[in-house]
PDB file of N, CA and C in Angstrom:
ATOM      1  N   MET A   1       7.139  -2.655   2.070  1.00  0.00           N
ATOM      2  CA  MET A   1       6.669  -2.552   0.811  1.00  0.00           C
ATOM      3  C   MET A   1       7.372  -3.800  -0.070  1.00  0.00           C
ATOM      4  N   GLU A   2       8.549  -4.042   0.544  1.00  0.00           N
ATOM      5  CA  GLU A   2       9.235  -4.601   0.417  1.00  0.00           C
ATOM      6  C   GLU A   2       8.436  -6.856   0.062  1.00  0.00           C
ATOM      7  N   GLU A   3       7.961  -7.069   1.591  1.00  0.00           N
ATOM      8  CA  GLU A   3       6.953  -8.404   1.079  1.00  0.00           C
ATOM      9  C   GLU A   3       5.465  -7.684   0.002  1.00  0.00           C
ATOM     10  N   LEU A   4       5.715  -6.920  -0.202  1.00  0.00           N
ATOM     11  CA  LEU A   4       4.039  -6.160  -0.867  1.00  0.00           C
ATOM     12  C   LEU A   4       5.060  -6.118  -2.392  1.00  0.00           C
ATOM     13  N   GLY A   5       5.957  -6.001  -3.065  1.00  0.00           N
ATOM     14  CA  GLY A   5       6.085  -5.643  -4.165  1.00  0.00           C
ATOM     15  C   GLY A   5       6.634  -6.943  -4.466  1.00  0.00           C
ATOM     16  N   ARG A   6       6.809  -8.405  -3.356  1.00  0.00           N
ATOM     17  CA  ARG A   6       6.810  -9.208  -3.469  1.00  0.00           C
ATOM     18  C   ARG A   6       6.021  -9.847  -4.459  1.00  0.00           C
ATOM     19  N   LEU A   7       5.041 -10.173  -3.218  1.00  0.00           N
ATOM     20  CA  LEU A   7       4.078 -10.834  -3.759  1.00  0.00           C
ATOM     21  C   LEU A   7       3.392 -10.592  -5.476  1.00  0.00           C
ATOM     22  N   CYS A   8       3.041  -8.955  -5.636  1.00  0.00           N
ATOM     23  CA  CYS A   8       2.923  -8.736  -6.945  1.00  0.00           C
ATOM     24  C   CYS A   8       4.458  -8.284  -8.065  1.00  0.00           C
ATOM     25  N   GLY A   9       4.865  -8.866  -7.654  1.00  0.00           N
ATOM     26  CA  GLY A   9       6.699  -9.315  -8.653  1.00  0.00           C
ATOM     27  C   GLY A   9       6.513  -7.781  -9.094  1.00  0.00           C
ATOM     28  N   HIS A  10       7.333  -7.014  -8.179  1.00  0.00           N
ATOM     29  CA  HIS A  10       7.958  -5.448  -8.088  1.00  0.00           C
ATOM     30  C   HIS A  10       8.656  -5.769  -6.970  1.00  0.00           C
ATOM     31  N   THR A  11       9.725  -4.604  -7.681  1.00  0.00           N
ATOM     32  CA  THR A  11      10.599  -4.102  -6.715  1.00  0.00           C
ATOM     33  C   THR A  11      10.135  -3.470  -6.001  1.00  0.00           C
ATOM     34  N   SER A  12      10.422  -3.089  -5.138  1.00  0.00           N
ATOM     35  CA  SER A  12      10.057  -2.032  -4.375  1.00  0.00           C
ATOM     36  C   SER A  12      10.098  -0.542  -5.197  1.00  0.00           C
ATOM     37  N   HIS A  13      10.073  -0.240  -5.736  1.00  0.00           N
ATOM     38  CA  HIS A  13      10.330   1.376  -6.465  1.00  0.00           C
ATOM     39  C   HIS A  13       9.024   1.082  -7.651  1.00  0.00           C
ATOM     40  N   GLN A  14       9.077   0.031  -8.218  1.00  0.00           N
ATOM     41  CA  GLN A  14       7.847  -0.566  -9.255  1.00  0.00           C
ATOM     42  C   GLN A  14       6.133  -0.474  -8.152  1.00  0.00           C
ATOM     43  N   THR A  15       6.801  -0.911  -6.943  1.00  0.00           N
ATOM     44  CA  THR A  15       5.173  -1.080  -6.528  1.00  0.00           C
ATOM     45  C   THR A  15       4.680   0.828  -5.954  1.00  0.00           C
ATOM     46  N   ALA A  16       6.061   0.770  -5.642  1.00  0.00           N
ATOM     47  CA  ALA A  16       6.121   2.599  -4.698  1.00  0.00           C
ATOM     48  C   ALA A  16       4.879   3.956  -6.003  1.00  0.00           C
ATOM     49  N   GLU A  17       5.967   3.509  -7.113  1.00  0.00           N
ATOM     50  CA  GLU A  17       4.465   4.017  -8.910  1.00  0.00           C
ATOM     51  C   GLU A  17       3.201   3.621  -8.584  1.00  0.00           C
ATOM     52  N   LEU A  18       3.478   1.754  -8.662  1.00  0.00           N
ATOM     53  CA  LEU A  18       2.308   1.464  -9.532  1.00  0.00           C
ATOM     54  C   LEU A  18       1.069   2.170  -7.812  1.00  0.00           C
ATOM     55  N   LEU A  19       1.473   2.602  -7.138  1.00  0.00           N
ATOM     56  CA  LEU A  19       0.575   3.006  -6.007  1.00  0.00           C
ATOM     57  C   LEU A  19       0.587   4.155  -6.081  1.00  0.00           C
ATOM     58  N   ASN A  20       0.598   4.879  -5.819  1.00  0.00           N
ATOM     59  CA  ASN A  20       1.086   6.646  -7.203  1.00  0.00           C
ATOM     60  C   ASN A  20       0.444   6.381  -7.817  1.00  0.00           C
ATOM     61  N   ARG A  21       0.058   5.948  -8.919  1.00  0.00           N
ATOM     62  CA  ARG A  21      -0.880   5.915  -9.712  1.00  0.00           C
ATOM     63  C   ARG A  21      -2.534   5.835  -9.592  1.00  0.00           C
ATOM     64  N   LEU A  22      -2.339   3.938  -8.930  1.00  0.00           N
ATOM     65  CA  LEU A  22      -3.587   4.910  -7.884  1.00  0.00           C
ATOM     66  C   LEU A  22      -4.003   5.812  -7.990  1.00  0.00           C
ATOM     67  N   VAL A  23      -3.238   6.016  -7.095  1.00  0.00           N
ATOM     68  CA  VAL A  23      -3.773   7.525  -5.968  1.00  0.00           C
ATOM     69  C   VAL A  23      -4.451   8.494  -7.179  1.00  0.00           C
ATOM     70  N   ALA A  24      -2.911   9.212  -7.889  1.00  0.00           N
ATOM     71  CA  ALA A  24      -3.766   9.833  -9.629  1.00  0.00           C
ATOM     72  C   ALA A  24      -5.263   9.434 -10.359  1.00  0.00           C
ATOM     73  N   THR A  25      -5.290   8.083 -10.557  1.00  0.00           N
ATOM     74  CA  THR A  25      -6.515   8.510 -10.891  1.00  0.00           C
ATOM     75  C   THR A  25      -7.910   8.279 -10.306  1.00  0.00           C
ATOM     76  N   GLY A  26      -7.352   8.030  -8.884  1.00  0.00           N
ATOM     77  CA  GLY A  26      -8.260   8.329  -8.433  1.00  0.00           C
ATOM     78  C   GLY A  26      -8.750   6.634  -7.892  1.00  0.00           C
ATOM     79  N   SER A  27      -8.252   4.865  -7.738  1.00  0.00           N
ATOM     80  CA  SER A  27      -8.618   4.432  -7.331  1.00  0.00           C
ATOM     81  C   SER A  27      -8.313   4.115  -5.817  1.00  0.00           C
ATOM     82  N   LEU A  28      -7.093   4.738  -5.236  1.00  0.00           N
ATOM     83  CA  LEU A  28      -7.182   5.422  -3.748  1.00  0.00           C
ATOM     84  C   LEU A  28      -6.541   6.250  -3.342  1.00  0.00           C
ATOM     85  N   ALA A  29      -7.349   6.540  -1.921  1.00  0.00           N
ATOM     86  CA  ALA A  29      -7.268   8.287  -1.402  1.00  0.00           C
ATOM     87  C   ALA A  29      -6.547   8.131  -1.247  1.00  0.00           C
ATOM     88  N   PHE A  30      -5.831   7.840  -0.748  1.00  0.00           N
ATOM     89  CA  PHE A  30      -3.951   7.680  -0.324  1.00  0.00           C
ATOM     90  C   PHE A  30      -3.673   6.410  -0.004  1.00  0.00           C
ATOM     91  N   TRP A  31      -1.965   6.872   0.061  1.00  0.00           N
ATOM     92  CA  TRP A  31      -1.442   5.047   0.844  1.00  0.00           C
ATOM     93  C   TRP A  31      -0.150   5.722   0.988  1.00  0.00           C
ATOM     94  N   ARG A  32       0.752   5.014   1.744  1.00  0.00           N
ATOM     95  CA  ARG A  32       1.855   5.671   3.082  1.00  0.00           C
ATOM     96  C   ARG A  32       2.376   4.416   3.530  1.00  0.00           C
ATOM     97  N   GLN A  33       3.686   4.456   4.289  1.00  0.00           N
ATOM     98  CA  GLN A  33       4.633   3.374   3.826  1.00  0.00           C
ATOM     99  C   GLN A  33       5.350   3.796   5.779  1.00  0.00           C
ATOM    100  N   GLY A  34       5.516   3.906   6.549  1.00  0.00           N
ATOM    101  CA  GLY A  34       5.683   3.886   7.681  1.00  0.00           C
ATOM    102  C   GLY A  34       5.344   1.990   9.087  1.00  0.00           C
ATOM    103  N   GLY A  35       6.110   3.010  10.185  1.00  0.00           N
ATOM    104  CA  GLY A  35       5.802   2.080  11.045  1.00  0.00           C
ATOM    105  C   GLY A  35       7.064   1.011  11.940  1.00  0.00           C
ATOM    106  N   GLU A  36       6.903   0.665  12.165  1.00  0.00           N
ATOM    107  CA  GLU A  36       8.646  -0.008  12.358  1.00  0.00           C
ATOM    108  C   GLU A  36       9.148  -0.778  11.427  1.00  0.00           C
ATOM    109  N   LEU A  37       7.527  -1.499  10.910  1.00  0.00           N
ATOM    110  CA  LEU A  37       7.722  -3.475  10.603  1.00  0.00           C
ATOM    111  C   LEU A  37       8.079  -2.520   8.775  1.00  0.00           C
ATOM    112  N   GLY A  38       7.987  -1.129   8.597  1.00  0.00           N
ATOM    113  CA  GLY A  38       7.102  -0.523   6.869  1.00  0.00           C
ATOM    114  C   GLY A  38       6.545  -0.815   6.147  1.00  0.00           C
ATOM    115  N   GLU A  39       5.081  -1.399   7.452  1.00  0.00           N
ATOM    116  CA  GLU A  39       3.918  -1.761   6.583  1.00  0.00           C
ATOM    117  C   GLU A  39       3.594  -0.961   6.057  1.00  0.00           C
ATOM    118  N   VAL A  40       2.667  -0.461   5.073  1.00  0.00           N
ATOM    119  CA  VAL A  40       2.019   0.106   4.313  1.00  0.00           C
ATOM    120  C   VAL A  40       0.529  -0.541   3.630  1.00  0.00           C
ATOM    121  N   THR A  41      -0.060   0.797   4.236  1.00  0.00           N
ATOM    122  CA  THR A  41      -1.868   1.627   4.574  1.00  0.00           C
ATOM    123  C   THR A  41      -1.915   2.309   2.978  1.00  0.00           C
ATOM    124  N   TRP A  42      -3.489   1.902   3.148  1.00  0.00           N
ATOM    125  CA  TRP A  42      -3.564   2.721   2.003  1.00  0.00           C
ATOM    126  C   TRP A  42      -5.179   2.709   2.305  1.00  0.00           C
ATOM    127  N   ALA A  43      -6.249   3.646   1.617  1.00  0.00           N
ATOM    128  CA  ALA A  43      -7.427   3.734   1.559  1.00  0.00           C
ATOM    129  C   ALA A  43      -7.703   3.542   0.243  1.00  0.00           C
ATOM    130  N   LEU A  44      -9.307   2.696   0.050  1.00  0.00           N
ATOM    131  CA  LEU A  44      -9.216   3.356  -1.538  1.00  0.00           C
ATOM    132  C   LEU A  44     -10.570   4.888  -1.634  1.00  0.00           C
ATOM    133  N   ALA A  45     -10.461   4.728  -2.433  1.00  0.00           N
ATOM    134  CA  ALA A  45     -11.870   6.072  -2.655  1.00  0.00           C
ATOM    135  C   ALA A  45     -12.483   6.306  -2.542  1.00  0.00           C
ATOM    136  N   GLY A  46     -13.214   6.969  -1.239  1.00  0.00           N
ATOM    137  CA  GLY A  46     -14.016   6.742  -0.134  1.00  0.00           C
ATOM    138  C   GLY A  46     -14.884   5.783   0.900  1.00  0.00           C
ATOM    139  N   GLN A  47     -13.479   4.840   1.061  1.00  0.00           N
ATOM    140  CA  GLN A  47     -13.336   4.415   2.592  1.00  0.00           C
ATOM    141  C   GLN A  47     -12.617   4.975   3.526  1.00  0.00           C
ATOM    142  N   ARG A  48     -12.715   4.882   4.298  1.00  0.00           N
ATOM    143  CA  ARG A  48     -11.678   5.128   5.508  1.00  0.00           C
ATOM    144  C   ARG A  48     -10.683   4.065   6.058  1.00  0.00           C
ATOM    145  N   PRO A  49      -9.654   5.231   6.004  1.00  0.00           N
ATOM    146  CA  PRO A  49      -8.379   4.246   6.310  1.00  0.00           C
ATOM    147  C   PRO A  49      -8.085   2.854   7.163  1.00  0.00           C
ATOM    148  N   GLN A  50      -7.665   2.200   7.225  1.00  0.00           N
ATOM    149  CA  GLN A  50      -7.639   0.889   7.617  1.00  0.00           C
ATOM    150  C   GLN A  50      -6.324   0.708   8.463  1.00  0.00           C
ATOM    151  N   ALA A  51      -6.031  -0.255   9.492  1.00  0.00           N
ATOM    152  CA  ALA A  51      -5.376   0.296  10.236  1.00  0.00           C
ATOM    153  C   ALA A  51      -4.262  -1.179  10.756  1.00  0.00           C
ATOM    154  N   PRO A  52      -3.030  -0.629   9.857  1.00  0.00           N
ATOM    155  CA  PRO A  52      -1.789  -0.987   9.780  1.00  0.00           C
ATOM    156  C   PRO A  52      -1.936  -2.600   9.732  1.00  0.00           C
ATOM    157  N   GLY A  53      -2.330  -3.167  11.215  1.00  0.00           N
ATOM    158  CA  GLY A  53      -2.624  -4.577  11.833  1.00  0.00           C
ATOM    159  C   GLY A  53      -3.251  -4.757  10.492  1.00  0.00           C
ATOM    160  N   VAL A  54      -4.072  -4.993  10.087  1.00  0.00           N
ATOM    161  CA  VAL A  54      -5.358  -5.133   8.864  1.00  0.00           C
ATOM    162  C   VAL A  54      -4.273  -5.452   7.809  1.00  0.00           C
ATOM    163  N   VAL A  55      -3.717  -4.336   6.878  1.00  0.00           N
ATOM    164  CA  VAL A  55      -3.023  -4.951   5.922  1.00  0.00           C
ATOM    165  C   VAL A  55      -2.213  -5.856   6.122  1.00  0.00           C
ATOM    166  N   ARG A  56      -1.216  -5.714   7.063  1.00  0.00           N
ATOM    167  CA  ARG A  56       0.469  -6.760   7.804  1.00  0.00           C
ATOM    168  C   ARG A  56      -1.137  -8.250   7.607  1.00  0.00           C
ATOM    169  N   GLU A  57      -1.883  -8.065   7.879  1.00  0.00           N
ATOM    170  CA  GLU A  57      -2.285  -9.523   8.229  1.00  0.00           C
ATOM    171  C   GLU A  57      -2.629  -9.776   7.010  1.00  0.00           C
ATOM    172  N   LEU A  58      -3.385  -9.430   6.127  1.00  0.00           N
ATOM    173  CA  LEU A  58      -3.686  -9.412   4.496  1.00  0.00           C
ATOM    174  C   LEU A  58      -2.200  -9.432   3.792  1.00  0.00           C
ATOM    175  N   LEU A  59      -1.384  -9.549   4.523  1.00  0.00           N
ATOM    176  CA  LEU A  59       0.197 -10.101   3.218  1.00  0.00           C
ATOM    177  C   LEU A  59       0.213 -11.202   3.421  1.00  0.00           C
ATOM    178  N   ARG A  60       0.115 -11.802   4.335  1.00  0.00           N
ATOM    179  CA  ARG A  60       0.319 -13.449   5.227  1.00  0.00           C
ATOM    180  C   ARG A  60      -0.817 -14.471   4.158  1.00  0.00           C
TER     181      ARG A  60
END
């Protein structure tokens, strides 16, 4: 979450709020943070979720 927030220019809290708003508006089906490295995973509305490794690679 920290890395995603840094890339977006937000704090972790702001990033979580943004992701929650995207879920509320229907842009994302869901998001979650977990795993031993705190990976953030999400699924666009109408798509199946990606594996955490895919998200991690997108952040590099």
